[in-house]
């Protein structure tokens, strides 16, 4: 089922995206180019006709995540994709940092992501705390760090709806 065309009428077709991978191990190895999830996100965003204008890898540290988001908010990116730090370990603090910055939350995103994850991985989907929302006129989607989770969220939810979401964010 898709949203009727009238709901998407007037939405732009091209948006600018910032991608942040949040992983201490990838942060220390970023020179080696070992960020598979970030690469998948870049590929899927550009394949959908959008432009990646910012990319970085951050460690799992609250202050560094906040600093990274603050930097992205100063760019011309329209929406932000983060991957990593949505689990249950002590170092998974992405959700705690981002949720404090949200002006509006999109609870349906996390619900739908977990439903679609359940169809692929079963009950392990409950471990995901994926969220989405709006921070200062920019949509943000916080995804788990696994390549499959990034692929699922982008192909099944975010890319099909980004124009519709951004239309409303800009109103």
Protein backbone atom coordinates (compact mmCIF):
# COMPACT_ATOMS: atom_id res chain seq x y z
CA UNK A 1 0.00 0.00 0.00
CA UNK A 2 1.30 3.43 -0.84
CA UNK A 3 0.28 6.94 0.08
CA UNK A 4 -2.09 8.47 -2.46
CA UNK A 5 -0.32 10.74 -4.94
CA UNK A 6 -2.21 13.78 -3.65
CA UNK A 7 -0.34 13.53 -0.33
CA UNK A 8 3.03 13.69 -2.07
CA UNK A 9 2.01 16.42 -4.52
CA UNK A 10 4.37 19.36 -4.37
CA UNK A 11 7.17 17.43 -2.69
CA UNK A 12 10.65 17.87 -4.11
CA UNK A 13 12.27 14.83 -5.66
CA UNK A 14 15.85 15.55 -4.62
CA UNK A 15 17.10 16.02 -1.06
CA UNK A 16 20.47 16.34 0.62
CA UNK A 17 21.50 13.77 3.20
CA UNK A 18 24.05 13.55 6.01
CA UNK A 19 25.19 10.11 7.17
CA UNK A 20 26.77 9.44 10.56
CA UNK A 21 28.06 6.04 11.60
CA UNK A 22 28.29 5.73 15.36
CA UNK A 23 30.75 3.02 16.34
CA UNK A 24 33.88 3.24 18.43
CA UNK A 25 35.57 0.35 16.58
CA UNK A 26 34.78 1.86 13.18
CA UNK A 27 35.88 5.29 14.43
CA UNK A 28 39.35 3.96 15.27
CA UNK A 29 39.52 2.11 11.93
CA UNK A 30 37.89 4.72 9.68
CA UNK A 31 41.08 5.19 7.70
CA UNK A 32 40.77 1.54 6.66
CA UNK A 33 37.31 2.14 5.16
CA UNK A 34 35.58 -0.60 7.12
CA UNK A 35 32.19 1.08 7.43
CA UNK A 36 29.96 -1.30 5.46
CA UNK A 37 26.73 0.17 6.88
CA UNK A 38 27.79 3.71 5.97
CA UNK A 39 28.71 2.60 2.46
CA UNK A 40 25.34 0.89 2.03
CA UNK A 41 23.56 4.02 3.25
CA UNK A 42 25.50 6.23 0.82
CA UNK A 43 24.78 3.88 -2.07
CA UNK A 44 21.04 3.58 -1.37
CA UNK A 45 20.55 7.31 -0.81
CA UNK A 46 22.33 8.25 -4.04
CA UNK A 47 20.70 5.45 -6.02
CA UNK A 48 17.35 6.95 -4.97
CA UNK A 49 18.33 10.27 -6.55
CA UNK A 50 19.43 12.14 -3.45
CA UNK A 51 22.81 13.62 -2.61
CA UNK A 52 25.06 12.74 0.33
CA UNK A 53 26.56 16.08 1.41
CA UNK A 54 28.14 14.99 4.69
CA UNK A 55 29.55 11.76 6.08
CA UNK A 56 31.44 10.99 9.27
CA UNK A 57 32.20 8.20 11.73
CA UNK A 58 31.83 8.97 15.43
CA UNK A 59 32.71 7.01 18.57
CA UNK A 60 30.00 5.73 20.95
CA UNK A 61 30.38 8.71 23.29
CA UNK A 62 27.52 11.02 24.19
CA UNK A 63 29.52 14.23 23.83
CA UNK A 64 30.98 13.23 20.46
CA UNK A 65 27.54 12.21 19.15
CA UNK A 66 26.04 15.53 20.28
CA UNK A 67 28.96 17.39 18.71
CA UNK A 68 28.54 15.43 15.45
CA UNK A 69 24.80 16.15 15.27
CA UNK A 70 25.43 19.84 16.00
CA UNK A 71 27.90 19.94 13.12
CA UNK A 72 25.42 18.27 10.75
CA UNK A 73 22.67 20.71 11.73
CA UNK A 74 24.86 23.52 10.36
CA UNK A 75 25.14 21.86 6.94
CA UNK A 76 22.64 22.08 4.10
CA UNK A 77 21.54 18.46 4.62
CA UNK A 78 17.76 18.04 4.62
CA UNK A 79 17.76 14.69 6.42
CA UNK A 80 20.15 12.67 8.55
CA UNK A 81 20.76 8.94 8.72
CA UNK A 82 22.65 7.56 11.71
CA UNK A 83 23.65 3.92 12.09
CA UNK A 84 24.84 2.35 15.31
CA UNK A 85 24.37 2.83 19.01
CA UNK A 86 20.71 1.77 19.14
CA UNK A 87 21.20 -1.45 21.09
CA UNK A 88 21.24 -2.27 24.78
CA UNK A 89 24.90 -2.23 25.78
CA UNK A 90 26.30 0.45 28.10
CA UNK A 91 28.02 2.11 25.16
CA UNK A 92 24.83 2.33 23.06
CA UNK A 93 23.88 5.95 23.80
CA UNK A 94 22.77 7.24 20.39
CA UNK A 95 19.08 7.14 21.31
CA UNK A 96 19.66 8.89 24.64
CA UNK A 97 21.51 11.75 22.91
CA UNK A 98 19.26 12.12 19.87
CA UNK A 99 15.93 11.80 21.70
CA UNK A 100 16.81 14.85 23.82
CA UNK A 101 17.29 16.89 20.62
CA UNK A 102 14.08 15.88 18.87
CA UNK A 103 11.42 18.56 18.46
CA UNK A 104 8.99 15.98 17.06
CA UNK A 105 9.21 12.19 17.14
CA UNK A 106 7.96 9.83 14.43
CA UNK A 107 7.04 6.81 16.57
CA UNK A 108 5.59 5.00 13.54
CA UNK A 109 9.06 4.71 12.05
CA UNK A 110 10.44 2.65 14.94
CA UNK A 111 7.27 0.58 15.12
CA UNK A 112 7.33 -0.20 11.40
CA UNK A 113 11.08 -0.85 11.40
CA UNK A 114 10.72 -3.39 14.20
CA UNK A 115 7.77 -5.04 12.44
CA UNK A 116 9.73 -5.39 9.22
CA UNK A 117 12.78 -6.57 11.19
CA UNK A 118 10.65 -9.18 12.91
CA UNK A 119 9.68 -10.55 9.49
CA UNK A 120 13.40 -11.01 8.72
CA UNK A 121 15.05 -11.88 12.05
CA UNK A 122 12.23 -12.91 14.38
CA UNK A 123 11.97 -11.88 17.99
CA UNK A 124 15.50 -10.42 18.06
CA UNK A 125 13.82 -7.34 16.56
CA UNK A 126 12.81 -6.27 20.07
CA UNK A 127 16.44 -5.37 20.79
CA UNK A 128 16.30 -2.44 18.37
CA UNK A 129 15.55 1.01 19.68
CA UNK A 130 15.49 2.63 16.21
CA UNK A 131 13.79 6.03 16.23
CA UNK A 132 13.11 8.93 13.90
CA UNK A 133 12.00 12.51 14.28
CA UNK A 134 12.66 16.12 13.46
CA UNK A 135 15.40 18.39 14.73
CA UNK A 136 15.38 22.01 13.51
CA UNK A 137 13.63 21.34 10.19
CA UNK A 138 15.73 18.25 9.46
CA UNK A 139 14.40 14.70 9.59
CA UNK A 140 16.64 12.23 11.41
CA UNK A 141 16.53 8.44 11.30
CA UNK A 142 18.54 6.48 13.89
CA UNK A 143 19.19 2.96 12.65
CA UNK A 144 20.96 -0.05 14.10
CA UNK A 145 24.52 -0.52 12.89
CA UNK A 146 24.08 -3.79 11.02
CA UNK A 147 24.27 -3.60 7.22
CA UNK A 148 21.01 -5.56 6.89
CA UNK A 149 19.18 -3.15 9.21
CA UNK A 150 20.43 -0.14 7.25
CA UNK A 151 19.42 -1.75 3.96
CA UNK A 152 15.97 -2.68 5.30
CA UNK A 153 15.22 0.76 6.74
CA UNK A 154 16.36 2.65 3.67
CA UNK A 155 14.78 0.46 0.99
CA UNK A 156 11.53 -0.40 2.75
CA UNK A 157 10.72 2.76 4.71
CA UNK A 158 12.90 5.85 4.38
CA UNK A 159 13.52 6.17 0.64
CA UNK A 160 9.91 5.40 -0.35
CA UNK A 161 8.64 8.09 2.05
CA UNK A 162 11.42 10.71 2.26
CA UNK A 163 9.76 13.17 -0.15
CA UNK A 164 6.48 12.91 1.76
CA UNK A 165 8.23 13.29 5.13
CA UNK A 166 10.32 16.26 3.95
CA UNK A 167 7.29 17.99 2.46
CA UNK A 168 5.67 18.02 5.91
CA UNK A 169 8.89 18.87 7.76
CA UNK A 170 9.17 21.98 5.58
CA UNK A 171 5.60 23.16 6.17
